[in-house]
Structure formats: structure tokens, C-alpha cells
Amino acid sequence: MIGLIQRVREARVEVAGAQVSEVVGAIGPGLLALVGVRPEDDEKSAEKLLQRMLGYRVFADEAGRMNRSLADTGGGLLLVPQFTLAADTRNGTRASFTSAAAPALASQLFEHLVARALALHPTVATGRFGADMAVSLVNDGPVTFWLES
């Protein structure tokens, strides 16, 4: 699995409805994680990625160094499914999605990731799998890391 994490001051996800947009997930300070699933991923991959996201040191300590993790700070975690992260972009000018998991597997593993996150972390919000989402964020730093499991 792939997690593109961004340290944020705030972030939210909206899904367009028939008449108006609905905010389906929002956090204050914390991490926005865009999540991509590949065909070879499984529940262990999801759990390993979650542990890395919760433990990755991206927040400043008293000396201003990035030595604190989301688990240390208790900040929010916004998980957003994004199949395009698993695209193959090595050739040409159009991405190939053969390296992305099929929707059924991707949905199952994203939901597993969310369930585990809810069990382990106090503040978790999510986007909606398969929806056309508008993601808004105030990137803090900016600090962005690509994590894989």
C-alpha cells in the first residue's frame, strides 16, 4: 500500500450531492493521508502502513526538530482513498492503472485500514471510496512524505 502523508493545519473532504456538497471528513492539525492500493496488498500491508503513518516523526519537538509522531501529538488523521497513487507513470504522457488494485480489493483494504485506525487513534476521519471528492487542506511546512508497506 501507498500512503502520501501531508502534515496539515487543517483538512477536509467534500462529496458533491444532488444539490449541495457534503463534508464527509474533516480534521484540525494532523496528517492528511492519500491512500493507494496495489494488487499484491493485503491486510498486513494495511496494518504496516497504518503503523508507519501513526509513528512517522513529522511534528516538531521542543527544539523545533521533526521528532514527534501523530501518536505522540494526538492530532487528526484524515484517510482519503486515491487509486491514482498506484498508477504506473514511467512511460509516455498518460498513466496506466494496471498497477492499481481492482476496486473490490481496494475498497476492502481501505475499509480495513480505517477500522484499524479508528481502533488505535482518537481522531480519524475519512473520504468516501469511489466518490468524486474535493480535498481541501492547509499544508503545514509544507511537509509531505511518500510511505509504502
Protein backbone atom coordinates (compact mmCIF):
# COMPACT_ATOMS: atom_id res chain seq x y z
CA MET A 1 0.00 0.00 0.00
CA ILE A 2 0.99 3.57 -0.56
CA GLY A 3 0.38 6.49 1.76
CA LEU A 4 1.17 10.03 0.70
CA ILE A 5 1.09 11.87 4.01
CA GLN A 6 0.97 15.62 4.42
CA ARG A 7 1.31 17.49 7.70
CA VAL A 8 -1.65 19.85 7.80
CA ARG A 9 -3.05 22.63 9.94
CA GLU A 10 -6.49 21.51 8.78
CA ALA A 11 -8.02 19.38 6.05
CA ARG A 12 -11.44 18.28 4.86
CA VAL A 13 -13.14 16.21 2.19
CA GLU A 14 -16.36 17.14 0.44
CA VAL A 15 -18.51 14.94 -1.78
CA ALA A 16 -20.87 16.56 -4.26
CA GLY A 17 -24.52 15.67 -3.80
CA ALA A 18 -27.57 16.37 -5.95
CA GLN A 19 -27.96 19.94 -4.71
CA VAL A 20 -25.04 20.71 -2.38
CA SER A 21 -21.69 19.41 -1.27
CA GLU A 22 -21.43 17.40 1.94
CA VAL A 23 -18.37 17.45 4.19
CA VAL A 24 -17.69 13.76 4.88
CA GLY A 25 -14.45 14.14 6.84
CA ALA A 26 -12.51 16.94 8.49
CA ILE A 27 -9.59 17.35 10.90
CA GLY A 28 -7.65 20.13 12.54
CA PRO A 29 -3.87 19.81 12.94
CA GLY A 30 -2.57 16.38 11.96
CA LEU A 31 -1.98 14.26 8.86
CA LEU A 32 -3.85 14.00 5.59
CA ALA A 33 -3.09 10.58 4.10
CA LEU A 34 -3.91 9.83 0.48
CA VAL A 35 -4.02 6.03 0.22
CA GLY A 36 -3.37 3.88 -2.85
CA VAL A 37 -3.77 0.11 -3.02
CA ARG A 38 -1.85 -2.26 -5.29
CA PRO A 39 -2.94 -5.80 -6.33
CA GLU A 40 -0.36 -7.51 -4.09
CA ASP A 41 -1.52 -5.68 -0.94
CA ASP A 42 -3.32 -7.41 1.90
CA GLU A 43 -4.48 -6.69 5.46
CA LYS A 44 -0.91 -6.95 6.75
CA SER A 45 0.12 -4.27 4.25
CA ALA A 46 -2.66 -2.02 5.51
CA GLU A 47 -1.67 -2.54 9.14
CA LYS A 48 2.01 -1.90 8.42
CA LEU A 49 1.17 1.30 6.55
CA LEU A 50 -1.05 2.46 9.42
CA GLN A 51 1.72 1.84 11.97
CA ARG A 52 4.12 3.85 9.82
CA MET A 53 1.62 6.72 9.46
CA LEU A 54 0.94 6.84 13.20
CA GLY A 55 4.62 6.56 14.11
CA TYR A 56 6.28 8.65 11.40
CA ARG A 57 8.02 11.61 13.01
CA VAL A 58 6.83 14.73 11.18
CA PHE A 59 5.89 17.07 14.05
CA ALA A 60 8.28 19.41 15.82
CA ASP A 61 9.59 18.75 19.30
CA GLU A 62 10.57 21.46 21.79
CA ALA A 63 13.79 22.11 19.82
CA GLY A 64 11.91 22.50 16.51
CA ARG A 65 13.11 19.17 15.07
CA MET A 66 10.76 16.68 13.45
CA ASN A 67 10.87 14.15 16.29
CA ARG A 68 7.20 13.71 17.20
CA SER A 69 4.68 11.43 15.55
CA LEU A 70 0.92 11.57 15.17
CA ALA A 71 0.69 9.05 18.02
CA ASP A 72 2.73 11.46 20.17
CA THR A 73 0.69 14.56 19.33
CA GLY A 74 -2.79 13.04 19.15
CA GLY A 75 -3.55 15.12 16.04
CA GLY A 76 -6.17 14.16 13.49
CA LEU A 77 -5.76 11.58 10.74
CA LEU A 78 -7.75 12.08 7.53
CA LEU A 79 -7.65 8.97 5.32
CA VAL A 80 -8.59 9.53 1.67
CA PRO A 81 -8.67 6.71 -0.90
CA GLN A 82 -6.83 7.65 -4.10
CA PHE A 83 -6.29 4.90 -6.67
CA THR A 84 -4.18 7.16 -8.90
CA LEU A 85 -1.27 6.85 -6.43
CA ALA A 86 -0.75 3.29 -7.65
CA ALA A 87 -0.57 4.32 -11.31
CA ASP A 88 2.41 3.44 -13.48
CA THR A 89 3.78 6.74 -14.79
CA ARG A 90 7.17 5.59 -16.05
CA ASN A 91 6.37 5.88 -19.76
CA GLY A 92 4.53 8.26 -22.01
CA THR A 93 2.20 11.08 -21.02
CA ARG A 94 -0.78 9.08 -19.81
CA ALA A 95 -0.85 6.97 -16.64
CA SER A 96 -1.56 3.24 -16.72
CA PHE A 97 -3.70 1.88 -13.90
CA THR A 98 -2.82 -1.80 -14.33
CA SER A 99 -0.65 -1.48 -11.21
CA ALA A 100 -3.63 -0.37 -9.09
CA ALA A 101 -5.78 -2.90 -7.23
CA ALA A 102 -9.24 -3.75 -8.51
CA PRO A 103 -11.97 -1.68 -6.82
CA ALA A 104 -13.30 -4.59 -4.73
CA LEU A 105 -9.90 -5.32 -3.18
CA ALA A 106 -9.01 -1.66 -2.81
CA SER A 107 -12.29 -0.91 -1.05
CA GLN A 108 -11.89 -3.88 1.30
CA LEU A 109 -8.34 -2.92 2.26
CA PHE A 110 -9.16 0.77 2.65
CA GLU A 111 -12.06 -0.13 4.98
CA HIS A 112 -9.73 -2.42 6.95
CA LEU A 113 -7.23 0.43 7.27
CA VAL A 114 -9.99 2.76 8.50
CA ALA A 115 -11.29 0.22 11.04
CA ARG A 116 -7.81 -0.36 12.46
CA ALA A 117 -7.13 3.40 12.56
CA LEU A 118 -10.38 4.00 14.47
CA ALA A 119 -9.37 1.33 16.98
CA LEU A 120 -5.88 2.78 17.51
CA HIS A 121 -6.15 6.56 17.19
CA PRO A 122 -8.51 9.05 18.85
CA THR A 123 -9.27 11.31 15.86
CA VAL A 124 -9.85 9.69 12.48
CA ALA A 125 -11.89 11.00 9.55
CA THR A 126 -12.21 9.64 6.02
CA GLY A 127 -13.08 10.39 2.47
CA ARG A 128 -15.58 8.19 0.63
CA PHE A 129 -14.33 5.32 -1.51
CA GLY A 130 -15.31 5.66 -5.17
CA ALA A 131 -16.74 9.16 -4.77
CA ASP A 132 -15.70 12.28 -6.63
CA MET A 133 -14.14 14.18 -3.74
CA ALA A 134 -12.88 17.70 -3.23
CA VAL A 135 -9.99 17.66 -0.75
CA SER A 136 -9.05 20.95 0.91
CA LEU A 137 -6.02 21.40 3.10
CA VAL A 138 -3.71 23.90 4.66
CA ASN A 139 -0.34 22.20 4.30
CA ASP A 140 1.94 22.84 7.26
CA GLY A 141 5.55 23.33 6.22
CA PRO A 142 4.96 22.03 3.60
CA VAL A 143 5.84 18.57 4.87
CA THR A 144 4.96 15.67 2.56
CA PHE A 145 6.24 12.08 2.60
CA TRP A 146 5.64 9.01 0.42
CA LEU A 147 5.26 5.86 2.55
CA GLU A 148 4.98 2.30 1.29
CA SER A 149 4.32 -1.01 3.00
